[in-house]
Amino acid sequence: MTHIKRIRLKLGISQDQFAHLANVHQSTVSRWERGLLQPSWDDLVQILKAAAGRLQPHDMFPTPDTFFPPDTFSTGAA
């Protein structure tokens, strides 16, 4: 499950309602959730503003390990 879908489900709303919050088309939300497209920073900020009080910044901007496997930046040096 993508991070965007987790956020939408946490809010308890449909893709169409989420699209309205983000000021995008429902098909864009569908692409985000399927991992075919990534939301821009502006999209994420818009969602956070529109969902004020229902989301915290850490819900929108998770830690780097959410996006990268643990050894992504390993140099192999001990």
PDB file of N, CA and C in Angstrom:
ATOM      1  N   MET A   1       0.846  -1.174   0.000  1.00  0.00           N
ATOM      2  CA  MET A   1       0.000   0.000   0.000  1.00  0.00           C
ATOM      3  C   MET A   1       0.893   1.239   0.000  1.00  0.00           C
ATOM      4  N   THR A   2       0.576   2.197  -0.846  1.00  0.00           N
ATOM      5  CA  THR A   2       1.386   3.405  -0.925  1.00  0.00           C
ATOM      6  C   THR A   2       1.088   4.340   0.252  1.00  0.00           C
ATOM      7  N   HIS A   3       2.023   5.227   0.480  1.00  0.00           N
ATOM      8  CA  HIS A   3       1.879   6.197   1.566  1.00  0.00           C
ATOM      9  C   HIS A   3       0.635   7.076   1.342  1.00  0.00           C
ATOM     10  N   ILE A   4       0.397   7.471   0.110  1.00  0.00           N
ATOM     11  CA  ILE A   4      -0.772   8.314  -0.195  1.00  0.00           C
ATOM     12  C   ILE A   4      -2.062   7.576   0.143  1.00  0.00           C
ATOM     13  N   LYS A   5      -2.125   6.306  -0.185  1.00  0.00           N
ATOM     14  CA  LYS A   5      -3.336   5.545   0.136  1.00  0.00           C
ATOM     15  C   LYS A   5      -3.515   5.428   1.642  1.00  0.00           C
ATOM     16  N   ARG A   6      -2.419   5.215   2.383  1.00  0.00           N
ATOM     17  CA  ARG A   6      -2.515   5.159   3.845  1.00  0.00           C
ATOM     18  C   ARG A   6      -3.077   6.468   4.403  1.00  0.00           C
ATOM     19  N   ILE A   7      -2.615   7.580   3.852  1.00  0.00           N
ATOM     20  CA  ILE A   7      -3.109   8.890   4.296  1.00  0.00           C
ATOM     21  C   ILE A   7      -4.601   9.017   4.007  1.00  0.00           C
ATOM     22  N   ARG A   8      -5.001   8.641   2.795  1.00  0.00           N
ATOM     23  CA  ARG A   8      -6.418   8.749   2.421  1.00  0.00           C
ATOM     24  C   ARG A   8      -7.280   7.876   3.330  1.00  0.00           C
ATOM     25  N   LEU A   9      -6.834   6.655   3.580  1.00  0.00           N
ATOM     26  CA  LEU A   9      -7.604   5.763   4.442  1.00  0.00           C
ATOM     27  C   LEU A   9      -7.642   6.273   5.874  1.00  0.00           C
ATOM     28  N   LYS A  10      -6.550   6.875   6.325  1.00  0.00           N
ATOM     29  CA  LYS A  10      -6.537   7.468   7.672  1.00  0.00           C
ATOM     30  C   LYS A  10      -7.594   8.567   7.780  1.00  0.00           C
ATOM     31  N   LEU A  11      -7.753   9.309   6.695  1.00  0.00           N
ATOM     32  CA  LEU A  11      -8.772  10.360   6.672  1.00  0.00           C
ATOM     33  C   LEU A  11     -10.181   9.780   6.524  1.00  0.00           C
ATOM     34  N   GLY A  12     -10.273   8.523   6.062  1.00  0.00           N
ATOM     35  CA  GLY A  12     -11.573   7.877   5.898  1.00  0.00           C
ATOM     36  C   GLY A  12     -12.402   8.438   4.765  1.00  0.00           C
ATOM     37  N   ILE A  13     -11.720   8.806   3.661  1.00  0.00           N
ATOM     38  CA  ILE A  13     -12.442   9.409   2.541  1.00  0.00           C
ATOM     39  C   ILE A  13     -12.163   8.651   1.239  1.00  0.00           C
ATOM     40  N   SER A  14     -13.017   8.880   0.250  1.00  0.00           N
ATOM     41  CA  SER A  14     -12.879   8.241  -1.054  1.00  0.00           C
ATOM     42  C   SER A  14     -11.778   8.913  -1.871  1.00  0.00           C
ATOM     43  N   GLN A  15     -11.390   8.273  -2.965  1.00  0.00           N
ATOM     44  CA  GLN A  15     -10.410   8.889  -3.868  1.00  0.00           C
ATOM     45  C   GLN A  15     -10.949  10.211  -4.401  1.00  0.00           C
ATOM     46  N   ASP A  16     -12.232  10.270  -4.704  1.00  0.00           N
ATOM     47  CA  ASP A  16     -12.820  11.506  -5.228  1.00  0.00           C
ATOM     48  C   ASP A  16     -12.755  12.631  -4.187  1.00  0.00           C
ATOM     49  N   GLN A  17     -13.056  12.311  -2.939  1.00  0.00           N
ATOM     50  CA  GLN A  17     -12.975  13.313  -1.874  1.00  0.00           C
ATOM     51  C   GLN A  17     -11.527  13.755  -1.646  1.00  0.00           C
ATOM     52  N   PHE A  18     -10.612  12.789  -1.696  1.00  0.00           N
ATOM     53  CA  PHE A  18      -9.195  13.111  -1.531  1.00  0.00           C
ATOM     54  C   PHE A  18      -8.723  14.011  -2.669  1.00  0.00           C
ATOM     55  N   ALA A  19      -9.175  13.713  -3.890  1.00  0.00           N
ATOM     56  CA  ALA A  19      -8.821  14.535  -5.048  1.00  0.00           C
ATOM     57  C   ALA A  19      -9.299  15.973  -4.845  1.00  0.00           C
ATOM     58  N   HIS A  20     -10.478  16.116  -4.286  1.00  0.00           N
ATOM     59  CA  HIS A  20     -11.009  17.454  -4.021  1.00  0.00           C
ATOM     60  C   HIS A  20     -10.118  18.195  -3.015  1.00  0.00           C
ATOM     61  N   LEU A  21      -9.674  17.494  -1.957  1.00  0.00           N
ATOM     62  CA  LEU A  21      -8.761  18.108  -0.979  1.00  0.00           C
ATOM     63  C   LEU A  21      -7.464  18.573  -1.637  1.00  0.00           C
ATOM     64  N   ALA A  22      -6.945  17.722  -2.530  1.00  0.00           N
ATOM     65  CA  ALA A  22      -5.650  18.003  -3.160  1.00  0.00           C
ATOM     66  C   ALA A  22      -5.769  18.910  -4.376  1.00  0.00           C
ATOM     67  N   ASN A  23      -7.005  19.200  -4.774  1.00  0.00           N
ATOM     68  CA  ASN A  23      -7.257  20.028  -5.956  1.00  0.00           C
ATOM     69  C   ASN A  23      -6.671  19.386  -7.224  1.00  0.00           C
ATOM     70  N   VAL A  24      -6.889  18.063  -7.336  1.00  0.00           N
ATOM     71  CA  VAL A  24      -6.464  17.303  -8.507  1.00  0.00           C
ATOM     72  C   VAL A  24      -7.632  16.431  -8.959  1.00  0.00           C
ATOM     73  N   HIS A  25      -7.492  15.781 -10.095  1.00  0.00           N
ATOM     74  CA  HIS A  25      -8.514  14.875 -10.600  1.00  0.00           C
ATOM     75  C   HIS A  25      -8.412  13.534  -9.874  1.00  0.00           C
ATOM     76  N   GLN A  26      -9.522  12.832  -9.777  1.00  0.00           N
ATOM     77  CA  GLN A  26      -9.544  11.521  -9.117  1.00  0.00           C
ATOM     78  C   GLN A  26      -8.568  10.559  -9.773  1.00  0.00           C
ATOM     79  N   SER A  27      -8.395  10.647 -11.087  1.00  0.00           N
ATOM     80  CA  SER A  27      -7.465   9.738 -11.765  1.00  0.00           C
ATOM     81  C   SER A  27      -6.019   9.984 -11.314  1.00  0.00           C
ATOM     82  N   THR A  28      -5.717  11.202 -10.923  1.00  0.00           N
ATOM     83  CA  THR A  28      -4.379  11.511 -10.394  1.00  0.00           C
ATOM     84  C   THR A  28      -4.171  10.797  -9.066  1.00  0.00           C
ATOM     85  N   VAL A  29      -5.174  10.820  -8.202  1.00  0.00           N
ATOM     86  CA  VAL A  29      -5.086  10.110  -6.919  1.00  0.00           C
ATOM     87  C   VAL A  29      -4.905   8.617  -7.177  1.00  0.00           C
ATOM     88  N   SER A  30      -5.638   8.086  -8.132  1.00  0.00           N
ATOM     89  CA  SER A  30      -5.504   6.671  -8.477  1.00  0.00           C
ATOM     90  C   SER A  30      -4.078   6.351  -8.921  1.00  0.00           C
ATOM     91  N   ARG A  31      -3.490   7.208  -9.738  1.00  0.00           N
ATOM     92  CA  ARG A  31      -2.104   7.004 -10.187  1.00  0.00           C
ATOM     93  C   ARG A  31      -1.119   7.094  -9.018  1.00  0.00           C
ATOM     94  N   TRP A  32      -1.362   8.034  -8.105  1.00  0.00           N
ATOM     95  CA  TRP A  32      -0.513   8.130  -6.912  1.00  0.00           C
ATOM     96  C   TRP A  32      -0.575   6.827  -6.126  1.00  0.00           C
ATOM     97  N   GLU A  33      -1.782   6.335  -5.930  1.00  0.00           N
ATOM     98  CA  GLU A  33      -1.961   5.140  -5.108  1.00  0.00           C
ATOM     99  C   GLU A  33      -1.391   3.885  -5.762  1.00  0.00           C
ATOM    100  N   ARG A  34      -1.346   3.863  -7.069  1.00  0.00           N
ATOM    101  CA  ARG A  34      -0.776   2.713  -7.775  1.00  0.00           C
ATOM    102  C   ARG A  34       0.721   2.861  -8.002  1.00  0.00           C
ATOM    103  N   GLY A  35       1.291   3.998  -7.576  1.00  0.00           N
ATOM    104  CA  GLY A  35       2.725   4.222  -7.721  1.00  0.00           C
ATOM    105  C   GLY A  35       3.155   4.599  -9.121  1.00  0.00           C
ATOM    106  N   LEU A  36       2.209   5.022  -9.950  1.00  0.00           N
ATOM    107  CA  LEU A  36       2.524   5.406 -11.321  1.00  0.00           C
ATOM    108  C   LEU A  36       2.933   6.868 -11.425  1.00  0.00           C
ATOM    109  N   LEU A  37       2.644   7.625 -10.393  1.00  0.00           N
ATOM    110  CA  LEU A  37       2.916   9.060 -10.364  1.00  0.00           C
ATOM    111  C   LEU A  37       3.163   9.434  -8.911  1.00  0.00           C
ATOM    112  N   GLN A  38       4.042  10.389  -8.695  1.00  0.00           N
ATOM    113  CA  GLN A  38       4.325  10.864  -7.339  1.00  0.00           C
ATOM    114  C   GLN A  38       3.744  12.267  -7.168  1.00  0.00           C
ATOM    115  N   PRO A  39       3.114  12.546  -6.020  1.00  0.00           N
ATOM    116  CA  PRO A  39       2.617  13.901  -5.787  1.00  0.00           C
ATOM    117  C   PRO A  39       3.780  14.875  -5.626  1.00  0.00           C
ATOM    118  N   SER A  40       3.565  16.084  -6.065  1.00  0.00           N
ATOM    119  CA  SER A  40       4.589  17.113  -5.893  1.00  0.00           C
ATOM    120  C   SER A  40       4.567  17.606  -4.450  1.00  0.00           C
ATOM    121  N   TRP A  41       5.599  18.355  -4.076  1.00  0.00           N
ATOM    122  CA  TRP A  41       5.613  18.963  -2.739  1.00  0.00           C
ATOM    123  C   TRP A  41       4.408  19.881  -2.574  1.00  0.00           C
ATOM    124  N   ASP A  42       4.081  20.612  -3.634  1.00  0.00           N
ATOM    125  CA  ASP A  42       2.922  21.500  -3.567  1.00  0.00           C
ATOM    126  C   ASP A  42       1.635  20.715  -3.317  1.00  0.00           C
ATOM    127  N   ASP A  43       1.505  19.541  -3.966  1.00  0.00           N
ATOM    128  CA  ASP A  43       0.336  18.691  -3.734  1.00  0.00           C
ATOM    129  C   ASP A  43       0.273  18.261  -2.270  1.00  0.00           C
ATOM    130  N   LEU A  44       1.408  17.836  -1.725  1.00  0.00           N
ATOM    131  CA  LEU A  44       1.445  17.378  -0.338  1.00  0.00           C
ATOM    132  C   LEU A  44       1.101  18.499   0.638  1.00  0.00           C
ATOM    133  N   VAL A  45       1.617  19.681   0.377  1.00  0.00           N
ATOM    134  CA  VAL A  45       1.313  20.830   1.236  1.00  0.00           C
ATOM    135  C   VAL A  45      -0.172  21.171   1.147  1.00  0.00           C
ATOM    136  N   GLN A  46      -0.742  21.123  -0.053  1.00  0.00           N
ATOM    137  CA  GLN A  46      -2.169  21.395  -0.245  1.00  0.00           C
ATOM    138  C   GLN A  46      -3.017  20.401   0.558  1.00  0.00           C
ATOM    139  N   ILE A  47      -2.651  19.126   0.513  1.00  0.00           N
ATOM    140  CA  ILE A  47      -3.389  18.104   1.252  1.00  0.00           C
ATOM    141  C   ILE A  47      -3.293  18.381   2.750  1.00  0.00           C
ATOM    142  N   LEU A  48      -2.106  18.696   3.229  1.00  0.00           N
ATOM    143  CA  LEU A  48      -1.907  18.973   4.653  1.00  0.00           C
ATOM    144  C   LEU A  48      -2.740  20.169   5.099  1.00  0.00           C
ATOM    145  N   LYS A  49      -2.751  21.223   4.299  1.00  0.00           N
ATOM    146  CA  LYS A  49      -3.545  22.412   4.638  1.00  0.00           C
ATOM    147  C   LYS A  49      -5.035  22.091   4.643  1.00  0.00           C
ATOM    148  N   ALA A  50      -5.494  21.359   3.623  1.00  0.00           N
ATOM    149  CA  ALA A  50      -6.917  21.050   3.499  1.00  0.00           C
ATOM    150  C   ALA A  50      -7.390  20.103   4.600  1.00  0.00           C
ATOM    151  N   ALA A  51      -6.497  19.272   5.089  1.00  0.00           N
ATOM    152  CA  ALA A  51      -6.853  18.299   6.130  1.00  0.00           C
ATOM    153  C   ALA A  51      -6.408  18.781   7.508  1.00  0.00           C
ATOM    154  N   ALA A  52      -6.274  20.080   7.660  1.00  0.00           N
ATOM    155  CA  ALA A  52      -5.802  20.662   8.928  1.00  0.00           C
ATOM    156  C   ALA A  52      -6.587  20.082  10.108  1.00  0.00           C
ATOM    157  N   GLY A  53      -5.833  19.670  11.112  1.00  0.00           N
ATOM    158  CA  GLY A  53      -6.450  19.109  12.300  1.00  0.00           C
ATOM    159  C   GLY A  53      -6.671  17.611  12.218  1.00  0.00           C
ATOM    160  N   ARG A  54      -6.651  17.072  11.005  1.00  0.00           N
ATOM    161  CA  ARG A  54      -6.848  15.626  10.845  1.00  0.00           C
ATOM    162  C   ARG A  54      -5.553  14.908  10.513  1.00  0.00           C
ATOM    163  N   LEU A  55      -4.538  15.663  10.086  1.00  0.00           N
ATOM    164  CA  LEU A  55      -3.222  15.097   9.770  1.00  0.00           C
ATOM    165  C   LEU A  55      -2.152  15.915  10.459  1.00  0.00           C
ATOM    166  N   GLN A  56      -1.067  15.263  10.772  1.00  0.00           N
ATOM    167  CA  GLN A  56       0.105  15.930  11.315  1.00  0.00           C
ATOM    168  C   GLN A  56       1.181  15.936  10.230  1.00  0.00           C
ATOM    169  N   PRO A  57       2.125  16.866  10.280  1.00  0.00           N
ATOM    170  CA  PRO A  57       3.187  16.889   9.258  1.00  0.00           C
ATOM    171  C   PRO A  57       3.901  15.551   9.095  1.00  0.00           C
ATOM    172  N   HIS A  58       4.127  14.805  10.196  1.00  0.00           N
ATOM    173  CA  HIS A  58       4.825  13.531  10.064  1.00  0.00           C
ATOM    174  C   HIS A  58       3.996  12.499   9.300  1.00  0.00           C
ATOM    175  N   ASP A  59       2.669  12.707   9.198  1.00  0.00           N
ATOM    176  CA  ASP A  59       1.848  11.825   8.370  1.00  0.00           C
ATOM    177  C   ASP A  59       2.155  12.040   6.894  1.00  0.00           C
ATOM    178  N   MET A  60       2.476  13.273   6.551  1.00  0.00           N
ATOM    179  CA  MET A  60       2.715  13.633   5.152  1.00  0.00           C
ATOM    180  C   MET A  60       4.168  13.453   4.741  1.00  0.00           C
ATOM    181  N   PHE A  61       5.076  13.704   5.655  1.00  0.00           N
ATOM    182  CA  PHE A  61       6.492  13.687   5.334  1.00  0.00           C
ATOM    183  C   PHE A  61       7.203  12.684   6.239  1.00  0.00           C
ATOM    184  N   PRO A  62       7.113  11.402   5.893  1.00  0.00           N
ATOM    185  CA  PRO A  62       7.692  10.370   6.747  1.00  0.00           C
ATOM    186  C   PRO A  62       9.216  10.373   6.714  1.00  0.00           C
ATOM    187  N   THR A  63       9.783   9.512   7.511  1.00  0.00           N
ATOM    188  CA  THR A  63      11.232   9.396   7.565  1.00  0.00           C
ATOM    189  C   THR A  63      11.770   8.800   6.270  1.00  0.00           C
ATOM    190  N   PRO A  64      13.038   9.052   5.940  1.00  0.00           N
ATOM    191  CA  PRO A  64      13.611   8.537   4.687  1.00  0.00           C
ATOM    192  C   PRO A  64      13.521   7.031   4.532  1.00  0.00           C
ATOM    193  N   ASP A  65      13.540   6.275   5.646  1.00  0.00           N
ATOM    194  CA  ASP A  65      13.481   4.820   5.509  1.00  0.00           C
ATOM    195  C   ASP A  65      12.143   4.341   4.970  1.00  0.00           C
ATOM    196  N   THR A  66      11.142   5.210   4.933  1.00  0.00           N
ATOM    197  CA  THR A  66       9.874   4.869   4.301  1.00  0.00           C
ATOM    198  C   THR A  66      10.066   4.712   2.799  1.00  0.00           C
ATOM    199  N   PHE A  67      10.987   5.490   2.236  1.00  0.00           N
ATOM    200  CA  PHE A  67      11.183   5.505   0.796  1.00  0.00           C
ATOM    201  C   PHE A  67      12.366   4.678   0.325  1.00  0.00           C
ATOM    202  N   PHE A  68      13.368   4.491   1.189  1.00  0.00           N
ATOM    203  CA  PHE A  68      14.588   3.813   0.782  1.00  0.00           C
ATOM    204  C   PHE A  68      14.864   2.598   1.677  1.00  0.00           C
ATOM    205  N   PRO A  69      15.193   1.457   1.092  1.00  0.00           N
ATOM    206  CA  PRO A  69      15.582   0.309   1.912  1.00  0.00           C
ATOM    207  C   PRO A  69      16.790   0.659   2.784  1.00  0.00           C
ATOM    208  N   PRO A  70      16.970  -0.029   3.916  1.00  0.00           N
ATOM    209  CA  PRO A  70      18.009   0.325   4.885  1.00  0.00           C
ATOM    210  C   PRO A  70      19.424   0.464   4.316  1.00  0.00           C
ATOM    211  N   ASP A  71      19.834  -0.351   3.368  1.00  0.00           N
ATOM    212  CA  ASP A  71      21.207  -0.306   2.876  1.00  0.00           C
ATOM    213  C   ASP A  71      21.376   0.490   1.572  1.00  0.00           C
ATOM    214  N   THR A  72      20.399   1.311   1.216  1.00  0.00           N
ATOM    215  CA  THR A  72      20.450   2.044  -0.044  1.00  0.00           C
ATOM    216  C   THR A  72      21.710   2.875  -0.164  1.00  0.00           C
ATOM    217  N   PHE A  73      22.131   3.529   0.902  1.00  0.00           N
ATOM    218  CA  PHE A  73      23.262   4.446   0.832  1.00  0.00           C
ATOM    219  C   PHE A  73      24.518   3.887   1.480  1.00  0.00           C
ATOM    220  N   SER A  74      24.544   2.605   1.686  1.00  0.00           N
ATOM    221  CA  SER A  74      25.708   1.963   2.296  1.00  0.00           C
ATOM    222  C   SER A  74      26.896   2.000   1.345  1.00  0.00           C
ATOM    223  N   THR A  75      28.044   2.343   1.876  1.00  0.00           N
ATOM    224  CA  THR A  75      29.261   2.384   1.062  1.00  0.00           C
ATOM    225  C   THR A  75      30.010   1.070   1.110  1.00  0.00           C
ATOM    226  N   GLY A  76      29.599   0.201   2.007  1.00  0.00           N
ATOM    227  CA  GLY A  76      30.279  -1.075   2.154  1.00  0.00           C
ATOM    228  C   GLY A  76      31.505  -1.003   3.043  1.00  0.00           C
ATOM    229  N   ALA A  77      31.906   0.194   3.442  1.00  0.00           N
ATOM    230  CA  ALA A  77      33.075   0.364   4.322  1.00  0.00           C
ATOM    231  C   ALA A  77      32.664   0.120   5.763  1.00  0.00           C
ATOM    232  N   ALA A  78      33.525  -0.528   6.489  1.00  0.00           N
ATOM    233  CA  ALA A  78      33.214  -0.820   7.898  1.00  0.00           C
ATOM    234  C   ALA A  78      33.748   0.257   8.815  1.00  0.00           C
TER     235      ALA A  78
END
